[in-house]
């Protein structure tokens, strides 16, 4: 059985591996998402190495983790809403849970520490799984169908549908 520390380093290795695979085999959405996810780990490690056990806590909420989760949510959310893929939505949904865990902790002071940690940590496993599966499905789709657009097209009406709506009025 893995100890808590060994589990963390194994997870960091998976983040790095996914980043390298995304950089080599993925397109822009894969590279951006893998970069954000690896960046979260790197910033977190720098924070803990620099502060040690003297963390920046406000009413039980680690402020730096809140900032990491918020900035990651913004980046992941942008990709999830604009990428021509489904799996970024799963990564974004897991990030929403991780981000909201901080407010759960603020709102309910008597929340058990384990419940807070589960809400903050478990989503990272969902993200790792979604990213790994997303890379596999992207590679398979690219192999069978060839190149396809990385980003969704605008939702603006085409000139033909716009002309029809003007004539109907």
Protein backbone atom coordinates (compact mmCIF):
# COMPACT_ATOMS: atom_id res chain seq x y z
CA UNK A 1 0.00 0.00 0.00
CA UNK A 2 1.27 3.44 -0.92
CA UNK A 3 1.96 5.93 1.81
CA UNK A 4 0.42 9.39 1.51
CA UNK A 5 3.71 10.92 0.35
CA UNK A 6 4.43 8.18 -2.19
CA UNK A 7 0.91 8.52 -3.58
CA UNK A 8 1.47 12.24 -4.09
CA UNK A 9 4.74 11.73 -5.96
CA UNK A 10 3.15 9.06 -8.14
CA UNK A 11 0.37 11.52 -8.96
CA UNK A 12 2.94 14.22 -9.80
CA UNK A 13 4.64 11.78 -12.16
CA UNK A 14 1.32 11.09 -13.91
CA UNK A 15 0.73 14.84 -14.32
CA UNK A 16 4.18 15.19 -15.91
CA UNK A 17 3.63 12.15 -18.14
CA UNK A 18 0.26 13.48 -19.34
CA UNK A 19 1.86 16.85 -20.04
CA UNK A 20 4.59 15.23 -22.14
CA UNK A 21 2.11 13.06 -24.05
CA UNK A 22 -0.17 16.06 -24.64
CA UNK A 23 2.75 18.11 -25.91
CA UNK A 24 3.80 15.37 -28.31
CA UNK A 25 0.44 13.93 -29.43
CA UNK A 26 -2.16 16.53 -28.56
CA UNK A 27 -3.37 19.72 -30.12
CA UNK A 28 -3.84 23.12 -28.45
CA UNK A 29 -6.66 22.11 -26.03
CA UNK A 30 -4.71 19.11 -24.78
CA UNK A 31 -1.53 21.11 -24.37
CA UNK A 32 -3.26 23.95 -22.55
CA UNK A 33 -5.16 21.66 -20.18
CA UNK A 34 -2.13 19.52 -19.41
CA UNK A 35 -0.09 22.70 -18.85
CA UNK A 36 -2.68 24.08 -16.45
CA UNK A 37 -2.87 20.82 -14.54
CA UNK A 38 0.91 20.49 -14.28
CA UNK A 39 1.17 24.17 -13.38
CA UNK A 40 -1.23 23.64 -10.47
CA UNK A 41 1.09 20.96 -9.09
CA UNK A 42 4.25 23.00 -9.61
CA UNK A 43 2.82 26.11 -7.91
CA UNK A 44 1.48 23.98 -5.06
CA UNK A 45 4.86 22.31 -4.52
CA UNK A 46 6.69 25.65 -4.58
CA UNK A 47 4.20 27.03 -2.05
CA UNK A 48 4.60 24.11 0.34
CA UNK A 49 8.38 24.00 -0.01
CA UNK A 50 8.61 27.75 0.62
CA UNK A 51 6.13 27.97 3.52
CA UNK A 52 6.56 24.57 5.14
CA UNK A 53 3.81 24.02 7.69
CA UNK A 54 3.19 27.78 8.06
CA UNK A 55 0.39 27.98 5.50
CA UNK A 56 -1.67 31.08 4.65
CA UNK A 57 -4.99 30.10 6.22
CA UNK A 58 -8.07 32.30 6.64
CA UNK A 59 -10.98 30.78 8.58
CA UNK A 60 -9.71 27.30 7.83
CA UNK A 61 -9.26 27.93 4.10
CA UNK A 62 -5.82 27.83 2.55
CA UNK A 63 -5.78 31.10 0.59
CA UNK A 64 -3.05 30.01 -1.83
CA UNK A 65 -4.90 26.81 -2.71
CA UNK A 66 -8.01 28.92 -3.25
CA UNK A 67 -6.05 31.15 -5.65
CA UNK A 68 -4.57 28.14 -7.48
CA UNK A 69 -8.03 26.57 -7.86
CA UNK A 70 -9.61 29.84 -8.97
CA UNK A 71 -7.01 30.60 -11.65
CA UNK A 72 -7.12 26.99 -12.83
CA UNK A 73 -10.91 27.10 -13.01
CA UNK A 74 -10.75 30.18 -15.23
CA UNK A 75 -8.26 28.58 -17.62
CA UNK A 76 -9.89 25.16 -17.69
CA UNK A 77 -13.34 26.73 -18.03
CA UNK A 78 -12.25 28.75 -21.04
CA UNK A 79 -10.85 25.67 -22.77
CA UNK A 80 -13.88 23.56 -21.81
CA UNK A 81 -16.29 26.07 -23.31
CA UNK A 82 -14.34 26.62 -26.53
CA UNK A 83 -12.62 23.30 -27.31
CA UNK A 84 -14.14 20.94 -29.84
CA UNK A 85 -13.99 18.10 -27.30
CA UNK A 86 -16.18 16.77 -24.47
CA UNK A 87 -13.58 15.67 -21.91
CA UNK A 88 -12.55 19.23 -20.94
CA UNK A 89 -16.06 19.63 -19.53
CA UNK A 90 -15.34 16.76 -17.12
CA UNK A 91 -12.07 18.36 -16.10
CA UNK A 92 -13.88 21.68 -15.61
CA UNK A 93 -16.65 20.05 -13.58
CA UNK A 94 -14.10 18.47 -11.26
CA UNK A 95 -12.37 21.85 -10.93
CA UNK A 96 -15.66 23.48 -9.95
CA UNK A 97 -15.96 20.96 -7.11
CA UNK A 98 -12.39 21.61 -5.96
CA UNK A 99 -12.91 25.37 -6.13
CA UNK A 100 -16.25 25.29 -4.31
CA UNK A 101 -14.78 23.19 -1.50
CA UNK A 102 -13.07 26.32 -0.19
CA UNK A 103 -16.38 28.14 0.11
CA UNK A 104 -17.93 25.09 1.71
CA UNK A 105 -15.21 25.33 4.34
CA UNK A 106 -15.85 29.06 4.81
CA UNK A 107 -19.62 28.61 5.11
CA UNK A 108 -19.62 25.69 7.51
CA UNK A 109 -16.96 26.26 10.13
CA UNK A 110 -17.62 22.92 11.83
CA UNK A 111 -17.11 20.87 8.65
CA UNK A 112 -14.95 17.85 9.24
CA UNK A 113 -11.43 18.34 7.90
CA UNK A 114 -11.59 15.03 6.03
CA UNK A 115 -14.73 16.08 4.15
CA UNK A 116 -13.01 19.32 3.11
CA UNK A 117 -9.90 17.47 1.99
CA UNK A 118 -11.93 14.92 0.01
CA UNK A 119 -13.75 17.72 -1.85
CA UNK A 120 -10.45 19.46 -2.55
CA UNK A 121 -8.35 16.39 -3.49
CA UNK A 122 -10.59 13.76 -5.14
CA UNK A 123 -11.41 15.98 -8.16
CA UNK A 124 -7.74 15.82 -9.18
CA UNK A 125 -8.12 12.07 -9.75
CA UNK A 126 -11.17 12.69 -11.93
CA UNK A 127 -9.15 15.25 -13.87
CA UNK A 128 -6.24 12.85 -14.37
CA UNK A 129 -8.56 10.13 -15.62
CA UNK A 130 -10.47 12.52 -17.91
CA UNK A 131 -7.23 13.93 -19.32
CA UNK A 132 -5.77 10.46 -19.95
CA UNK A 133 -8.96 9.24 -21.64
CA UNK A 134 -9.24 12.49 -23.58
CA UNK A 135 -5.74 12.05 -24.96
CA UNK A 136 -6.47 8.43 -25.92
CA UNK A 137 -9.74 9.33 -27.67
CA UNK A 138 -8.14 12.33 -29.39
CA UNK A 139 -5.31 10.17 -30.74
CA UNK A 140 -7.78 7.50 -31.90
CA UNK A 141 -10.04 10.06 -33.58
CA UNK A 142 -7.10 11.71 -35.30
CA UNK A 143 -5.85 8.32 -36.52
CA UNK A 144 -9.21 7.20 -37.91
CA UNK A 145 -10.60 10.50 -39.19
CA UNK A 146 -7.55 12.65 -39.71
CA UNK A 147 -7.18 16.21 -38.56
CA UNK A 148 -10.22 17.95 -37.12
CA UNK A 149 -10.79 21.43 -35.64
CA UNK A 150 -9.50 21.97 -32.11
CA UNK A 151 -11.95 24.76 -31.32
CA UNK A 152 -15.69 25.12 -31.73
CA UNK A 153 -16.98 27.48 -34.38
CA UNK A 154 -18.69 30.67 -33.32
CA UNK A 155 -22.37 30.52 -32.53
CA UNK A 156 -23.01 33.51 -34.79
CA UNK A 157 -25.66 32.77 -37.42
CA UNK A 158 -24.42 32.11 -40.91
CA UNK A 159 -25.16 34.70 -43.60
CA UNK A 160 -27.89 32.49 -45.08
CA UNK A 161 -29.82 32.04 -41.82
CA UNK A 162 -29.35 35.72 -40.99
CA UNK A 163 -30.76 36.73 -44.40
CA UNK A 164 -33.77 34.46 -43.89
CA UNK A 165 -34.55 35.99 -40.50
CA UNK A 166 -34.41 39.52 -41.96
CA UNK A 167 -36.83 38.67 -44.76
CA UNK A 168 -39.23 36.99 -42.37
CA UNK A 169 -39.54 40.13 -40.25
